[in-house]
Amino acid sequence: MNIVDAGNREEWDSFITSHEESNFLQSWDFYEFHVLRGKKVVRRLVMDDNKIIGAYAGVVETAKRGTYMAIAGGPIIDWKNKKLVQAVFDDIKAEGGKHHCVFVRVRPQLELSDKSLALMREMGLKKAPMYLSVEYAGVLDLTKSEEEILTGASQGFRRKLRKAEKNDIEITADTKKESIDAFCKLEKKHAERQKYVAFSESFLRKQFEAFAANGEVLIYTAKKDGEVLAQNFMIFYGPEASYHYGVSSELGTKYSAAPLLHMEAMREARKRGIIRYNLWGIVGLNETSHRFYGVSEFKRSFGCDELKYTPAHDLILNPLKYQVNKLVESARKKIRHV
């Protein structure tokens, strides 16, 4: 095996999307977004006899508590091949060292199990004090027909959908500048109403630009009488359609616009041959005080399957500085109720 820097987008995406568990978190363009942010990125390919057998991408993040590398949704490898897994984590450690990282945080695209946790320990990783990307997701099987999905949805969801269909709501999906402009504007208002910290316009626009360059994103917009009710930022990559961000106005809630946006996005995903619709983060049924409990109940109303990924784990490179980071992140987790 030989592990090298990747330099070819087509080669990279061809390998990543050939794996059913993959999504945009290890896509080439997600790391182009980080480059647009001025970040250093690492993209590595595992070669065996001129054939790609593994890959991982990470972004180097700088913070007062120390520099670290984040690998979300990766590496993409055969986890049963212990020799390959060890070689990849050895390389991750070496790359982290090159970039003077205190630690490397990995949230693998690997379903949670006793075996997956044991494997993380075997590779010398410890459970991270803070999450990295979504660890508990609601997922719909798009090999099912629309009728089958609606049959599996809650009665409340079907009622909202019927109500929305009677409300003369216009749905569009595009990559126009006007659509991302409207999204940024509505996201600020949505954040104020829901009491969370909004993403900056620059952050949202750079993500949009990176994915729009290769037709991997659509902004879905619901309007009534010319007024924007709700919008979804959807990413289509490989086998998965991802509900990346969603925002709405108070009027959008009144008219039940959100279900219409999702149904349209699912139709587009099927046209693209996509087999999975990821609604992303949900929290446990008993976590009623969690700030995402309400939106989790909405996602569950689709009748989605619940997928738990192996949580973020840290490969510690500087134990002393890492302890400072752990204290800071543990405190932030309590304050933010996440």
Protein backbone atom coordinates (compact mmCIF):
# COMPACT_ATOMS: atom_id res chain seq x y z
CA MET A 1 0.00 0.00 0.00
CA ASN A 2 1.06 3.55 -0.77
CA ILE A 3 -0.74 6.64 0.57
CA VAL A 4 -0.50 9.78 -1.54
CA ASP A 5 -2.03 13.25 -1.90
CA ALA A 6 -5.08 13.36 -4.16
CA GLY A 7 -5.06 15.81 -7.03
CA ASN A 8 -7.87 14.71 -9.31
CA ARG A 9 -11.50 15.57 -8.57
CA GLU A 10 -13.03 12.99 -10.94
CA GLU A 11 -10.87 10.18 -9.57
CA TRP A 12 -11.67 11.18 -5.98
CA ASP A 13 -15.43 11.47 -6.40
CA SER A 14 -15.63 8.30 -8.45
CA PHE A 15 -14.12 6.33 -5.56
CA ILE A 16 -16.09 8.05 -2.77
CA THR A 17 -19.48 7.72 -4.50
CA SER A 18 -18.88 4.03 -5.24
CA HIS A 19 -19.43 3.41 -1.52
CA GLU A 20 -23.07 3.23 -0.44
CA GLU A 21 -22.40 4.77 2.99
CA SER A 22 -20.78 7.91 1.58
CA ASN A 23 -22.23 11.41 1.47
CA PHE A 24 -21.06 14.95 0.79
CA LEU A 25 -18.88 15.10 3.93
CA GLN A 26 -16.06 13.41 2.00
CA SER A 27 -16.85 14.96 -1.38
CA TRP A 28 -14.20 16.90 -3.27
CA ASP A 29 -16.34 20.04 -3.29
CA PHE A 30 -16.90 20.08 0.48
CA TYR A 31 -13.16 20.62 0.81
CA GLU A 32 -13.17 23.18 -2.01
CA PHE A 33 -15.56 25.07 0.28
CA HIS A 34 -12.96 24.93 3.05
CA VAL A 35 -10.30 26.17 0.61
CA LEU A 36 -12.60 29.12 -0.18
CA ARG A 37 -12.65 29.78 3.58
CA GLY A 38 -8.87 30.06 3.51
CA LYS A 39 -8.32 26.73 5.29
CA LYS A 40 -5.68 24.10 4.67
CA VAL A 41 -7.14 20.79 3.54
CA VAL A 42 -5.76 17.27 3.37
CA ARG A 43 -6.95 14.76 0.78
CA ARG A 44 -5.24 11.37 0.84
CA LEU A 45 -5.64 8.27 -1.33
CA VAL A 46 -4.58 4.74 -0.41
CA MET A 47 -3.19 3.00 -3.48
CA ASP A 48 -2.59 -0.70 -3.99
CA ASP A 49 -1.19 -1.78 -7.36
CA ASN A 50 -2.36 1.54 -8.92
CA LYS A 51 -5.89 0.97 -7.61
CA ILE A 52 -7.58 3.22 -5.01
CA ILE A 53 -8.61 1.19 -1.96
CA GLY A 54 -9.18 3.97 0.56
CA ALA A 55 -9.49 7.73 0.98
CA TYR A 56 -9.93 10.43 3.58
CA ALA A 57 -10.19 14.21 3.56
CA GLY A 58 -9.77 16.61 6.46
CA VAL A 59 -9.66 20.32 7.18
CA VAL A 60 -7.11 21.98 9.46
CA GLU A 61 -8.86 24.29 11.92
CA THR A 62 -7.10 26.88 14.05
CA ALA A 63 -8.39 27.91 17.48
CA LYS A 64 -6.96 29.58 20.56
CA ARG A 65 -7.09 26.25 22.35
CA GLY A 66 -4.94 24.67 19.62
CA THR A 67 -4.83 23.65 15.96
CA TYR A 68 -6.64 20.44 15.06
CA MET A 69 -7.70 18.50 11.98
CA ALA A 70 -11.34 17.46 11.44
CA ILE A 71 -12.24 14.39 9.36
CA ALA A 72 -16.04 14.23 9.07
CA GLY A 73 -17.68 11.22 7.43
CA GLY A 74 -14.40 9.45 6.80
CA PRO A 75 -12.18 7.70 6.12
CA ILE A 76 -13.88 5.74 3.33
CA ILE A 77 -12.31 2.30 3.61
CA ASP A 78 -13.02 -1.39 4.12
CA TRP A 79 -13.22 -1.39 7.92
CA LYS A 80 -12.81 -5.17 8.03
CA ASN A 81 -9.32 -4.88 6.54
CA LYS A 82 -7.29 -4.30 9.72
CA LYS A 83 -4.03 -3.75 7.81
CA LEU A 84 -5.69 -1.02 5.74
CA VAL A 85 -7.34 0.60 8.77
CA GLN A 86 -4.04 0.70 10.66
CA ALA A 87 -2.19 2.17 7.67
CA VAL A 88 -4.81 4.91 7.27
CA PHE A 89 -4.75 5.91 10.94
CA ASP A 90 -0.95 5.91 10.91
CA ASP A 91 -1.14 8.30 7.97
CA ILE A 92 -3.75 10.47 9.71
CA LYS A 93 -1.42 10.76 12.69
CA ALA A 94 1.48 11.72 10.44
CA GLU A 95 -0.58 14.34 8.56
CA GLY A 96 -1.79 15.80 11.85
CA GLY A 97 1.82 16.11 12.97
CA LYS A 98 2.83 17.87 9.74
CA HIS A 99 0.20 20.53 10.43
CA HIS A 100 1.18 20.89 14.10
CA CYS A 101 -2.19 19.65 15.32
CA VAL A 102 -2.95 19.08 18.99
CA PHE A 103 -5.36 16.33 17.94
CA VAL A 104 -7.21 14.91 14.94
CA ARG A 105 -10.96 14.50 15.32
CA VAL A 106 -12.56 11.71 13.30
CA ARG A 107 -16.28 10.99 12.92
CA PRO A 108 -16.24 7.88 10.77
CA GLN A 109 -18.96 6.93 8.30
CA LEU A 110 -19.45 3.79 10.32
CA GLU A 111 -22.60 2.67 12.10
CA LEU A 112 -22.39 2.64 15.89
CA SER A 113 -21.76 -0.76 17.44
CA ASP A 114 -19.66 -2.35 20.16
CA LYS A 115 -17.26 -3.42 17.40
CA SER A 116 -16.91 0.11 16.00
CA LEU A 117 -16.16 1.54 19.47
CA ALA A 118 -13.64 -1.24 20.12
CA LEU A 119 -11.97 -0.47 16.79
CA MET A 120 -11.61 3.22 17.73
CA ARG A 121 -9.93 2.20 21.00
CA GLU A 122 -7.69 -0.25 19.15
CA MET A 123 -6.53 2.60 16.89
CA GLY A 124 -5.65 4.65 19.97
CA LEU A 125 -8.54 7.13 19.77
CA LYS A 126 -10.64 8.48 22.64
CA LYS A 127 -14.26 9.66 22.52
CA ALA A 128 -14.34 13.38 21.75
CA PRO A 129 -15.91 15.87 24.20
CA MET A 130 -17.81 17.52 21.32
CA TYR A 131 -19.52 16.15 18.23
CA LEU A 132 -18.20 16.51 14.69
CA SER A 133 -21.05 16.66 12.20
CA VAL A 134 -24.24 14.70 12.78
CA GLU A 135 -23.96 11.51 14.84
CA TYR A 136 -27.66 10.55 14.97
CA ALA A 137 -29.68 10.96 11.78
CA GLY A 138 -33.12 10.33 10.34
CA VAL A 139 -32.90 8.57 6.96
CA LEU A 140 -35.51 7.68 4.34
CA ASP A 141 -35.13 4.84 1.85
CA LEU A 142 -35.72 6.30 -1.62
CA THR A 143 -35.95 2.89 -3.23
CA LYS A 144 -39.47 2.97 -1.75
CA SER A 145 -42.16 4.68 -3.80
CA GLU A 146 -43.62 8.01 -2.76
CA GLU A 147 -46.83 6.20 -1.84
CA GLU A 148 -44.92 3.78 0.41
CA ILE A 149 -43.10 6.63 2.14
CA LEU A 150 -46.34 8.50 2.79
CA THR A 151 -47.92 5.32 4.15
CA GLY A 152 -45.04 5.08 6.63
CA ALA A 153 -45.28 8.76 7.63
CA SER A 154 -47.29 9.91 10.62
CA GLN A 155 -50.93 10.92 10.29
CA GLY A 156 -49.90 14.44 11.34
CA PHE A 157 -47.36 14.68 8.52
CA ARG A 158 -49.89 13.55 5.93
CA ARG A 159 -52.41 16.05 7.28
CA LYS A 160 -49.87 18.90 7.02
CA LEU A 161 -49.02 17.86 3.47
CA ARG A 162 -52.68 17.83 2.41
CA LYS A 163 -53.14 21.26 4.02
CA ALA A 164 -50.08 22.64 2.19
CA GLU A 165 -51.27 21.29 -1.15
CA LYS A 166 -54.48 23.31 -0.77
CA ASN A 167 -52.68 26.55 0.07
CA ASP A 168 -51.64 27.54 -3.47
CA ILE A 169 -47.93 27.46 -2.60
CA GLU A 170 -45.37 27.82 -5.39
CA ILE A 171 -42.27 25.60 -5.16
CA THR A 172 -39.06 26.35 -7.07
CA ALA A 173 -35.60 24.75 -7.06
CA ASP A 174 -32.57 26.47 -8.52
CA THR A 175 -29.06 27.84 -8.02
CA LYS A 176 -29.87 31.48 -8.68
CA LYS A 177 -28.12 34.25 -6.78
CA GLU A 178 -31.53 35.57 -5.74
CA SER A 179 -32.31 32.26 -4.04
CA ILE A 180 -29.19 32.15 -1.87
CA ASP A 181 -29.66 35.86 -1.11
CA ALA A 182 -33.17 35.12 0.14
CA PHE A 183 -31.90 32.10 2.09
CA CYS A 184 -29.26 34.15 3.95
CA LYS A 185 -31.84 36.81 4.79
CA LEU A 186 -34.41 34.30 6.04
CA GLU A 187 -31.79 32.34 8.01
CA LYS A 188 -31.00 35.43 10.11
CA LYS A 189 -34.67 35.90 10.99
CA HIS A 190 -35.11 32.18 11.65
CA ALA A 191 -32.10 32.18 14.00
CA GLU A 192 -33.46 35.14 15.95
CA ARG A 193 -36.83 33.42 16.34
CA GLN A 194 -35.36 30.03 17.29
CA LYS A 195 -32.59 31.59 19.45
CA TYR A 196 -29.49 30.10 17.84
CA VAL A 197 -26.39 31.68 16.32
CA ALA A 198 -26.85 32.15 12.59
CA PHE A 199 -24.18 31.19 10.07
CA SER A 200 -22.48 34.15 8.43
CA GLU A 201 -23.54 35.05 4.90
CA SER A 202 -19.98 34.40 3.75
CA PHE A 203 -20.06 30.86 5.20
CA LEU A 204 -23.35 30.00 3.50
CA ARG A 205 -22.44 31.58 0.17
CA LYS A 206 -19.06 29.83 -0.04
CA GLN A 207 -20.71 26.45 0.61
CA PHE A 208 -23.33 27.21 -2.01
CA GLU A 209 -20.73 28.27 -4.58
CA ALA A 210 -18.57 25.18 -4.02
CA PHE A 211 -21.44 22.73 -4.53
CA ALA A 212 -23.19 24.74 -7.25
CA ALA A 213 -20.07 24.60 -9.44
CA ASN A 214 -20.77 20.93 -10.19
CA GLY A 215 -24.56 20.78 -9.90
CA GLU A 216 -24.62 19.25 -6.41
CA VAL A 217 -26.87 21.79 -4.67
CA LEU A 218 -30.35 23.24 -5.08
CA ILE A 219 -32.13 25.89 -3.04
CA TYR A 220 -35.78 24.88 -2.67
CA THR A 221 -38.12 27.81 -2.08
CA ALA A 222 -41.78 27.86 -1.07
CA LYS A 223 -43.66 31.09 -1.85
CA LYS A 224 -47.22 32.30 -1.44
CA ASP A 225 -48.35 35.51 -3.07
CA GLY A 226 -44.69 36.33 -3.81
CA GLU A 227 -43.56 36.01 -0.17
CA VAL A 228 -40.94 33.43 0.84
CA LEU A 229 -42.38 30.98 3.37
CA ALA A 230 -39.57 28.42 3.70
CA GLN A 231 -36.36 27.27 2.02
CA ASN A 232 -34.23 24.13 2.04
CA PHE A 233 -30.53 23.96 1.15
CA MET A 234 -30.25 20.50 -0.43
CA ILE A 235 -27.05 18.70 -1.43
CA PHE A 236 -27.16 15.80 -3.91
CA TYR A 237 -24.01 13.69 -3.88
CA GLY A 238 -23.44 10.06 -4.75
CA PRO A 239 -26.05 7.78 -3.17
CA GLU A 240 -27.44 10.42 -0.80
CA ALA A 241 -29.57 13.56 -0.83
CA SER A 242 -28.85 15.67 2.25
CA TYR A 243 -31.20 18.12 3.91
CA HIS A 244 -28.29 20.36 4.86
CA TYR A 245 -30.12 23.45 6.13
CA GLY A 246 -33.74 24.50 6.39
CA VAL A 247 -35.28 27.85 7.31
CA SER A 248 -38.82 29.19 7.50
CA SER A 249 -40.87 32.23 8.41
CA GLU A 250 -43.75 32.27 10.88
CA LEU A 251 -46.08 32.36 7.89
CA GLY A 252 -44.33 29.29 6.50
CA THR A 253 -45.20 27.38 9.66
CA LYS A 254 -48.81 28.54 9.42
CA TYR A 255 -49.14 27.27 5.84
CA SER A 256 -47.17 24.02 6.42
CA ALA A 257 -44.76 24.75 3.58
CA ALA A 258 -41.87 22.50 4.70
CA PRO A 259 -43.40 19.10 3.76
CA LEU A 260 -43.88 20.29 0.17
CA LEU A 261 -40.21 21.24 -0.10
CA HIS A 262 -39.11 17.80 1.06
CA MET A 263 -41.45 15.92 -1.26
CA GLU A 264 -40.11 17.91 -4.25
CA ALA A 265 -36.50 17.26 -3.18
CA MET A 266 -37.19 13.53 -2.91
CA ARG A 267 -38.59 13.51 -6.44
CA GLU A 268 -35.43 15.21 -7.73
CA ALA A 269 -33.25 12.75 -5.82
CA ARG A 270 -34.99 9.79 -7.45
CA LYS A 271 -34.44 11.35 -10.89
CA ARG A 272 -30.72 11.44 -10.09
CA GLY A 273 -30.70 7.77 -9.07
CA ILE A 274 -30.16 8.57 -5.39
CA ILE A 275 -31.21 5.86 -2.94
CA ARG A 276 -31.17 7.67 0.43
CA TYR A 277 -32.67 10.90 1.79
CA ASN A 278 -30.82 12.07 4.89
CA LEU A 279 -32.85 14.42 7.09
CA TRP A 280 -29.76 14.75 9.30
CA GLY A 281 -29.66 15.47 13.00
CA ILE A 282 -32.20 14.10 15.44
CA VAL A 283 -32.03 13.63 19.20
CA GLY A 284 -33.34 10.86 21.45
CA LEU A 285 -37.04 10.56 22.23
CA ASN A 286 -36.33 11.20 25.90
CA GLU A 287 -34.21 14.33 25.29
CA THR A 288 -37.18 16.68 25.62
CA SER A 289 -35.06 19.59 26.91
CA HIS A 290 -32.65 19.46 23.95
CA ARG A 291 -32.92 22.49 21.67
CA PHE A 292 -33.30 20.19 18.64
CA TYR A 293 -36.11 18.11 20.14
CA GLY A 294 -38.88 19.91 18.23
CA VAL A 295 -37.23 19.65 14.83
CA SER A 296 -36.39 16.00 15.59
CA GLU A 297 -40.07 15.26 16.12
CA PHE A 298 -40.83 16.89 12.75
CA LYS A 299 -38.22 14.69 11.05
CA ARG A 300 -39.54 11.56 12.78
CA SER A 301 -43.01 12.36 11.39
CA PHE A 302 -41.65 11.33 7.95
CA GLY A 303 -41.40 7.76 9.25
CA CYS A 304 -37.63 7.78 8.82
CA ASP A 305 -35.20 5.10 9.96
CA GLU A 306 -32.84 6.19 12.72
CA LEU A 307 -29.14 5.83 11.99
CA LYS A 308 -26.48 6.20 14.67
CA TYR A 309 -22.96 6.82 13.44
CA THR A 310 -19.91 6.02 15.54
CA PRO A 311 -19.42 9.28 17.47
CA ALA A 312 -16.45 11.59 17.02
CA HIS A 313 -13.19 10.29 18.43
CA ASP A 314 -9.89 12.11 18.93
CA LEU A 315 -6.41 10.97 18.01
CA ILE A 316 -4.39 12.92 20.58
CA LEU A 317 -1.03 14.25 19.43
CA ASN A 318 -0.24 16.73 22.24
CA PRO A 319 -1.71 15.40 25.53
CA LEU A 320 -1.02 18.52 27.61
CA LYS A 321 -2.65 20.98 25.21
CA TYR A 322 -5.43 18.50 24.55
CA GLN A 323 -6.51 18.61 28.21
CA VAL A 324 -7.05 22.37 27.90
CA ASN A 325 -9.13 21.81 24.77
CA LYS A 326 -11.18 19.11 26.49
CA LEU A 327 -12.06 21.41 29.39
CA VAL A 328 -13.11 24.24 27.04
CA GLU A 329 -15.25 22.01 24.81
CA SER A 330 -16.90 20.21 27.73
CA ALA A 331 -17.94 23.57 29.17
CA ARG A 332 -19.26 24.78 25.81
CA LYS A 333 -21.30 21.60 25.36
CA LYS A 334 -23.13 22.25 28.65
CA ILE A 335 -23.74 25.92 27.86
CA ARG A 336 -25.09 25.20 24.37
CA HIS A 337 -27.26 22.25 25.48
CA VAL A 338 -25.95 20.01 22.72
